[in-house]
Structures are given as C-alpha cells and as structure tokens.
C-alpha cells in the first residue's frame, strides 16, 4: 500500500474528519481509538490505527479497577484484581449497583432493564 500521497494531508482525503494536531510530551499518551492517524517522530512519519477489543474477562477486570479507583478516592488501599476471586466478585457486584444508582440519579430509568 502506497501512503506517500497522503502524508502531511488531511485525513478527510480518506473519509475522516480533518486532522487535529496533538503535541505530546515525554510520558504522555494519545491514542485516538479506531481512527487512522499519522505519527511524526522527527523527520519520520508513520500511519497507525488503534483497534480495541473487550472480552468478558477484561470487562470484569475493568469493573474491579473501577471499584478500586472509587476506593482510592475514599483513601482506602484496595487489593489488585485477581488475588481473590470472591473479593473481585463482590467488587463487580458493588460497581454494578453503583452504576444502576448513578443512572437512576441522572433520570435514566432504563438502567433497571440492564
């Protein structure tokens, strides 16, 4: 695939929105999801696309991480995911209840159907 005609051009040439430049500093990360993007490093340019996928296991781990983030905000020191299955299951359940409550507080009663 020849990309040189597209280098330095707007992504609108291939059916996308115009380019937005993001200048990153050391330690920062910018990954536009499911979008082709140019990456310039010095004089070199490459084209990249980020594709994410989720599994039931990654969704469970994300729920545990969500719980842990809330616990840290409450100045607690939660255990990392995977140490104890029963603790992870309790965290997942708590996040589910919290999520439904949040949807209901924001006037979205369809939250009970999920």
C-alpha atoms as a PDB file:
ATOM      1  CA  UNK A   1       0.000   0.000   0.000  1.00  0.00           C
ATOM      2  CA  UNK A   2       1.451   3.348  -1.008  1.00  0.00           C
ATOM      3  CA  UNK A   3       0.881   6.045   1.603  1.00  0.00           C
ATOM      4  CA  UNK A   4       3.235   8.767   0.408  1.00  0.00           C
ATOM      5  CA  UNK A   5       0.478  10.688  -1.462  1.00  0.00           C
ATOM      6  CA  UNK A   6      -1.378  11.038   1.862  1.00  0.00           C
ATOM      7  CA  UNK A   7       1.495  12.101   4.096  1.00  0.00           C
ATOM      8  CA  UNK A   8       1.006  15.574   5.506  1.00  0.00           C
ATOM      9  CA  UNK A   9      -2.535  15.742   4.126  1.00  0.00           C
ATOM     10  CA  UNK A  10      -5.856  15.901   5.932  1.00  0.00           C
ATOM     11  CA  UNK A  11      -7.444  12.592   6.849  1.00  0.00           C
ATOM     12  CA  UNK A  12     -10.558  13.916   5.099  1.00  0.00           C
ATOM     13  CA  UNK A  13      -8.928  12.539   1.959  1.00  0.00           C
ATOM     14  CA  UNK A  14      -9.895   9.085   3.160  1.00  0.00           C
ATOM     15  CA  UNK A  15     -13.336   9.912   4.560  1.00  0.00           C
ATOM     16  CA  UNK A  16     -12.326  11.089   8.021  1.00  0.00           C
ATOM     17  CA  UNK A  17     -12.580  14.397   9.846  1.00  0.00           C
ATOM     18  CA  UNK A  18      -9.744  16.875   9.333  1.00  0.00           C
ATOM     19  CA  UNK A  19      -6.511  16.319  11.204  1.00  0.00           C
ATOM     20  CA  UNK A  20      -6.143  17.591  14.744  1.00  0.00           C
ATOM     21  CA  UNK A  21      -2.558  18.012  15.860  1.00  0.00           C
ATOM     22  CA  UNK A  22      -1.673  16.894  19.359  1.00  0.00           C
ATOM     23  CA  UNK A  23       1.802  17.614  20.619  1.00  0.00           C
ATOM     24  CA  UNK A  24       2.838  15.143  23.288  1.00  0.00           C
ATOM     25  CA  UNK A  25       5.488  15.485  25.945  1.00  0.00           C
ATOM     26  CA  UNK A  26       7.577  12.716  27.439  1.00  0.00           C
ATOM     27  CA  UNK A  27       5.329  10.418  29.459  1.00  0.00           C
ATOM     28  CA  UNK A  28       2.061  11.443  27.777  1.00  0.00           C
ATOM     29  CA  UNK A  29      -0.027   9.123  25.665  1.00  0.00           C
ATOM     30  CA  UNK A  30      -2.535   9.996  22.987  1.00  0.00           C
ATOM     31  CA  UNK A  31      -4.249   7.143  21.212  1.00  0.00           C
ATOM     32  CA  UNK A  32      -7.251   8.017  19.046  1.00  0.00           C
ATOM     33  CA  UNK A  33      -9.439   4.877  19.072  1.00  0.00           C
ATOM     34  CA  UNK A  34     -10.475   3.230  15.781  1.00  0.00           C
ATOM     35  CA  UNK A  35      -9.122   6.155  13.789  1.00  0.00           C
ATOM     36  CA  UNK A  36      -6.219   6.142  11.371  1.00  0.00           C
ATOM     37  CA  UNK A  37      -3.673   8.695  12.496  1.00  0.00           C
ATOM     38  CA  UNK A  38      -0.272   9.962  11.442  1.00  0.00           C
ATOM     39  CA  UNK A  39       2.533   9.724  13.933  1.00  0.00           C
ATOM     40  CA  UNK A  40       5.501  12.010  13.373  1.00  0.00           C
ATOM     41  CA  UNK A  41       8.735  11.423  15.189  1.00  0.00           C
ATOM     42  CA  UNK A  42      11.441  13.752  13.988  1.00  0.00           C
ATOM     43  CA  UNK A  43      11.637  13.567  10.199  1.00  0.00           C
ATOM     44  CA  UNK A  44       9.818  10.220  10.055  1.00  0.00           C
ATOM     45  CA  UNK A  45       6.059   9.745   9.683  1.00  0.00           C
ATOM     46  CA  UNK A  46       4.089   6.555  10.107  1.00  0.00           C
ATOM     47  CA  UNK A  47       0.406   5.702   9.861  1.00  0.00           C
ATOM     48  CA  UNK A  48      -1.250   3.874  12.704  1.00  0.00           C
ATOM     49  CA  UNK A  49      -4.714   2.712  13.751  1.00  0.00           C
ATOM     50  CA  UNK A  50      -5.729   1.570  17.202  1.00  0.00           C
ATOM     51  CA  UNK A  51      -8.279  -1.200  17.476  1.00  0.00           C
ATOM     52  CA  UNK A  52      -9.509  -2.166  20.921  1.00  0.00           C
ATOM     53  CA  UNK A  53     -11.435  -5.268  21.840  1.00  0.00           C
ATOM     54  CA  UNK A  54     -13.125  -6.352  25.038  1.00  0.00           C
ATOM     55  CA  UNK A  55     -13.760  -9.796  26.468  1.00  0.00           C
ATOM     56  CA  UNK A  56     -15.889 -10.879  29.416  1.00  0.00           C
ATOM     57  CA  UNK A  57     -12.677 -11.225  31.424  1.00  0.00           C
ATOM     58  CA  UNK A  58     -11.461  -7.725  30.516  1.00  0.00           C
ATOM     59  CA  UNK A  59     -14.911  -6.279  31.388  1.00  0.00           C
ATOM     60  CA  UNK A  60     -14.741  -7.964  34.817  1.00  0.00           C
ATOM     61  CA  UNK A  61     -11.231  -6.656  35.398  1.00  0.00           C
ATOM     62  CA  UNK A  62     -12.357  -3.172  34.370  1.00  0.00           C
ATOM     63  CA  UNK A  63     -15.187  -3.330  36.932  1.00  0.00           C
ATOM     64  CA  UNK A  64     -12.704  -4.311  39.646  1.00  0.00           C
ATOM     65  CA  UNK A  65     -10.414  -1.454  38.568  1.00  0.00           C
ATOM     66  CA  UNK A  66     -13.400   0.947  38.672  1.00  0.00           C
ATOM     67  CA  UNK A  67     -14.169  -0.190  42.218  1.00  0.00           C
ATOM     68  CA  UNK A  68     -10.519   0.195  43.197  1.00  0.00           C
ATOM     69  CA  UNK A  69     -10.446   3.746  41.797  1.00  0.00           C
ATOM     70  CA  UNK A  70     -13.512   4.670  43.878  1.00  0.00           C
ATOM     71  CA  UNK A  71     -11.957   3.040  46.951  1.00  0.00           C
ATOM     72  CA  UNK A  72      -8.744   5.031  46.461  1.00  0.00           C
ATOM     73  CA  UNK A  73     -10.795   8.244  46.278  1.00  0.00           C
ATOM     74  CA  UNK A  74     -12.135   7.251  49.709  1.00  0.00           C
ATOM     75  CA  UNK A  75      -8.494   6.923  50.902  1.00  0.00           C
ATOM     76  CA  UNK A  76      -8.644   3.117  51.037  1.00  0.00           C
ATOM     77  CA  UNK A  77      -5.965   0.744  49.767  1.00  0.00           C
ATOM     78  CA  UNK A  78      -7.802  -1.930  47.713  1.00  0.00           C
ATOM     79  CA  UNK A  79      -6.215  -5.184  46.544  1.00  0.00           C
ATOM     80  CA  UNK A  80      -5.364  -5.555  42.872  1.00  0.00           C
ATOM     81  CA  UNK A  81      -7.636  -7.669  40.626  1.00  0.00           C
ATOM     82  CA  UNK A  82      -7.070 -11.406  40.520  1.00  0.00           C
ATOM     83  CA  UNK A  83      -5.819 -12.022  44.049  1.00  0.00           C
ATOM     84  CA  UNK A  84      -9.098 -13.377  45.434  1.00  0.00           C
ATOM     85  CA  UNK A  85     -11.991 -14.352  43.151  1.00  0.00           C
ATOM     86  CA  UNK A  86     -14.616 -13.813  45.852  1.00  0.00           C
ATOM     87  CA  UNK A  87     -13.347 -10.292  46.578  1.00  0.00           C
ATOM     88  CA  UNK A  88     -13.333  -9.494  42.856  1.00  0.00           C
ATOM     89  CA  UNK A  89     -16.921 -10.793  42.537  1.00  0.00           C
ATOM     90  CA  UNK A  90     -18.038  -8.559  45.423  1.00  0.00           C
ATOM     91  CA  UNK A  91     -16.347  -5.540  43.811  1.00  0.00           C
ATOM     92  CA  UNK A  92     -18.013  -6.293  40.464  1.00  0.00           C
ATOM     93  CA  UNK A  93     -21.401  -6.514  42.179  1.00  0.00           C
ATOM     94  CA  UNK A  94     -20.819  -3.254  44.044  1.00  0.00           C
ATOM     95  CA  UNK A  95     -19.849  -1.457  40.821  1.00  0.00           C
ATOM     96  CA  UNK A  96     -22.985  -2.815  39.142  1.00  0.00           C
ATOM     97  CA  UNK A  97     -25.221  -1.481  41.933  1.00  0.00           C
ATOM     98  CA  UNK A  98     -23.364   1.854  41.939  1.00  0.00           C
ATOM     99  CA  UNK A  99     -23.736   2.111  38.149  1.00  0.00           C
ATOM    100  CA  UNK A 100     -27.504   1.468  38.247  1.00  0.00           C
ATOM    101  CA  UNK A 101     -27.897   4.010  41.052  1.00  0.00           C
ATOM    102  CA  UNK A 102     -25.931   6.558  39.080  1.00  0.00           C
ATOM    103  CA  UNK A 103     -28.118   6.046  36.001  1.00  0.00           C
ATOM    104  CA  UNK A 104     -31.267   6.383  38.097  1.00  0.00           C
ATOM    105  CA  UNK A 105     -29.979   9.583  39.740  1.00  0.00           C
ATOM    106  CA  UNK A 106     -29.452  11.019  36.273  1.00  0.00           C
ATOM    107  CA  UNK A 107     -33.040  10.276  35.258  1.00  0.00           C
ATOM    108  CA  UNK A 108     -32.421   7.175  33.163  1.00  0.00           C
ATOM    109  CA  UNK A 109     -34.890   4.559  34.456  1.00  0.00           C
ATOM    110  CA  UNK A 110     -33.912   2.143  31.667  1.00  0.00           C
ATOM    111  CA  UNK A 111     -30.999   1.334  33.962  1.00  0.00           C
ATOM    112  CA  UNK A 112     -33.197  -1.209  35.731  1.00  0.00           C
ATOM    113  CA  UNK A 113     -33.671  -3.163  32.472  1.00  0.00           C
ATOM    114  CA  UNK A 114     -29.940  -3.837  32.059  1.00  0.00           C
END
